Protein backbone atom coordinates (compact mmCIF):
# COMPACT_ATOMS: atom_id res chain seq x y z
CA MET A 1 -10.65 2.33 -16.04
CA THR A 2 -8.62 4.95 -14.22
CA TYR A 3 -5.67 4.08 -12.02
CA TRP A 4 -7.66 5.19 -8.94
CA ALA A 5 -10.46 2.77 -9.89
CA LEU A 6 -7.92 -0.03 -10.22
CA ASN A 7 -6.39 0.95 -6.89
CA ALA A 8 -9.83 0.90 -5.28
CA VAL A 9 -10.13 -2.82 -6.03
CA PHE A 10 -6.80 -3.62 -4.38
CA LEU A 11 -7.38 -1.28 -1.45
CA ALA A 12 -10.82 -2.82 -0.83
CA VAL A 13 -9.22 -6.27 -0.50
CA VAL A 14 -6.62 -4.83 1.86
CA ALA A 15 -9.34 -3.20 3.95
CA VAL A 16 -11.23 -6.51 4.24
CA VAL A 17 -8.10 -8.36 5.40
CA ALA A 18 -7.20 -5.61 7.89
CA LEU A 19 -10.76 -5.60 9.20
CA ALA A 20 -10.64 -9.39 9.59
CA ALA A 21 -7.45 -9.03 11.63
CA VAL A 22 -9.03 -6.41 13.87
CA LEU A 23 -12.24 -8.38 14.35
CA ALA A 24 -10.26 -11.52 15.17
CA ARG A 25 -8.41 -9.46 17.80
CA ARG A 26 -5.17 -10.32 16.04
CA SER A 27 -4.45 -6.99 14.43
CA PRO A 28 -0.87 -6.09 13.60
CA SER A 29 1.12 -3.37 15.33
CA TRP A 30 -0.34 -0.24 13.78
CA ARG A 31 2.45 1.78 15.33
CA GLY A 32 4.99 -0.43 13.56
CA ILE A 33 3.13 0.00 10.29
CA ALA A 34 3.11 3.77 10.73
CA LEU A 35 6.86 3.79 11.39
CA ALA A 36 7.52 1.60 8.35
CA THR A 37 5.44 3.93 6.19
CA ILE A 38 7.95 6.78 6.36
CA PRO A 39 10.97 5.07 4.75
CA LEU A 40 8.87 3.04 2.32
CA VAL A 41 7.02 6.06 0.97
CA ILE A 42 10.33 7.91 0.59
CA LEU A 43 11.87 4.96 -1.26
CA THR A 44 8.77 4.64 -3.44
CA ALA A 45 9.00 8.33 -4.31
CA VAL A 46 12.65 8.04 -5.27
CA PHE A 47 12.38 4.87 -7.35
CA ASP A 48 9.04 5.74 -8.99
CA ASN A 49 10.45 9.09 -10.05
CA VAL A 50 13.49 7.37 -11.56
CA LEU A 51 11.31 4.84 -13.38
CA VAL A 52 8.94 7.44 -14.76
CA ALA A 53 11.64 10.03 -15.59
CA THR A 54 13.72 7.52 -17.54
CA GLY A 55 10.69 6.30 -19.47
CA ILE A 56 10.81 2.73 -18.15
CA VAL A 57 7.25 3.19 -16.89
CA GLY A 58 4.72 5.50 -18.50
CA TYR A 59 1.18 6.52 -17.65
CA ASP A 60 -1.72 7.55 -19.84
CA GLU A 61 -2.28 11.16 -18.77
CA GLY A 62 -6.02 10.72 -19.28
CA LEU A 63 -6.17 7.96 -16.67
CA ILE A 64 -4.26 9.59 -13.82
CA SER A 65 -5.53 12.23 -11.43
CA GLY A 66 -2.80 14.68 -12.35
CA ALA A 67 -1.51 14.89 -8.77
CA LYS A 68 2.16 13.99 -8.73
CA ILE A 69 5.10 13.75 -6.41
CA GLY A 70 7.93 14.78 -8.68
CA VAL A 71 7.02 13.08 -11.95
CA ALA A 72 5.42 10.00 -10.33
CA PRO A 73 1.61 10.02 -10.17
CA LEU A 74 0.08 9.89 -6.72
CA GLU A 75 -1.74 6.70 -7.71
CA ASP A 76 1.57 4.82 -7.61
CA PHE A 77 1.78 5.21 -3.85
CA ALA A 78 -1.40 3.20 -3.24
CA TYR A 79 0.49 -0.05 -3.81
CA THR A 80 3.03 0.83 -1.14
CA ILE A 81 0.30 1.68 1.34
CA ALA A 82 -1.56 -1.51 0.42
CA ALA A 83 1.53 -3.64 1.03
CA LEU A 84 2.23 -1.89 4.33
CA VAL A 85 -1.22 -2.81 5.63
CA LEU A 86 -1.87 -6.11 3.84
CA LEU A 87 1.27 -8.04 4.69
CA PRO A 88 1.25 -7.48 8.48
CA SER A 89 -2.52 -8.04 8.55
CA LEU A 90 -2.18 -11.35 6.71
CA TRP A 91 0.68 -12.32 8.98
CA SER A 92 -1.46 -11.61 12.03
CA VAL A 93 -4.52 -13.45 10.72
CA LEU A 94 -2.62 -16.51 9.48
CA ALA A 95 -0.20 -16.90 12.39
CA PRO A 96 -0.98 -19.81 14.70
CA ARG A 97 -2.59 -18.83 17.97
CA ARG A 98 -0.37 -19.01 21.03
CA ASP A 99 -1.59 -20.43 24.30
CA PRO A 100 -1.58 -17.86 27.09
CA GLU A 101 1.23 -18.55 29.49
């Protein structure tokens, strides 16, 4: 199984939860998610590159796409994107409903 195939499983779950939030008319602030994406992707790039460059984390070259940011494979960024969408979506879906005032 390639890393993209593994990511597809996680991203599908994230998509279902985000869709549930939208359909329940309780979707998170997409603008806030977009703004949070910038620093989190930068931090992911920095720390993933350190982890891969120092050998703490390694990847089977046959299972990655070959696209990289620095030395970190692009596949690594899927988890950051998944967290950025999943956590606010879950928060929105699971939060108690407020009575309109």
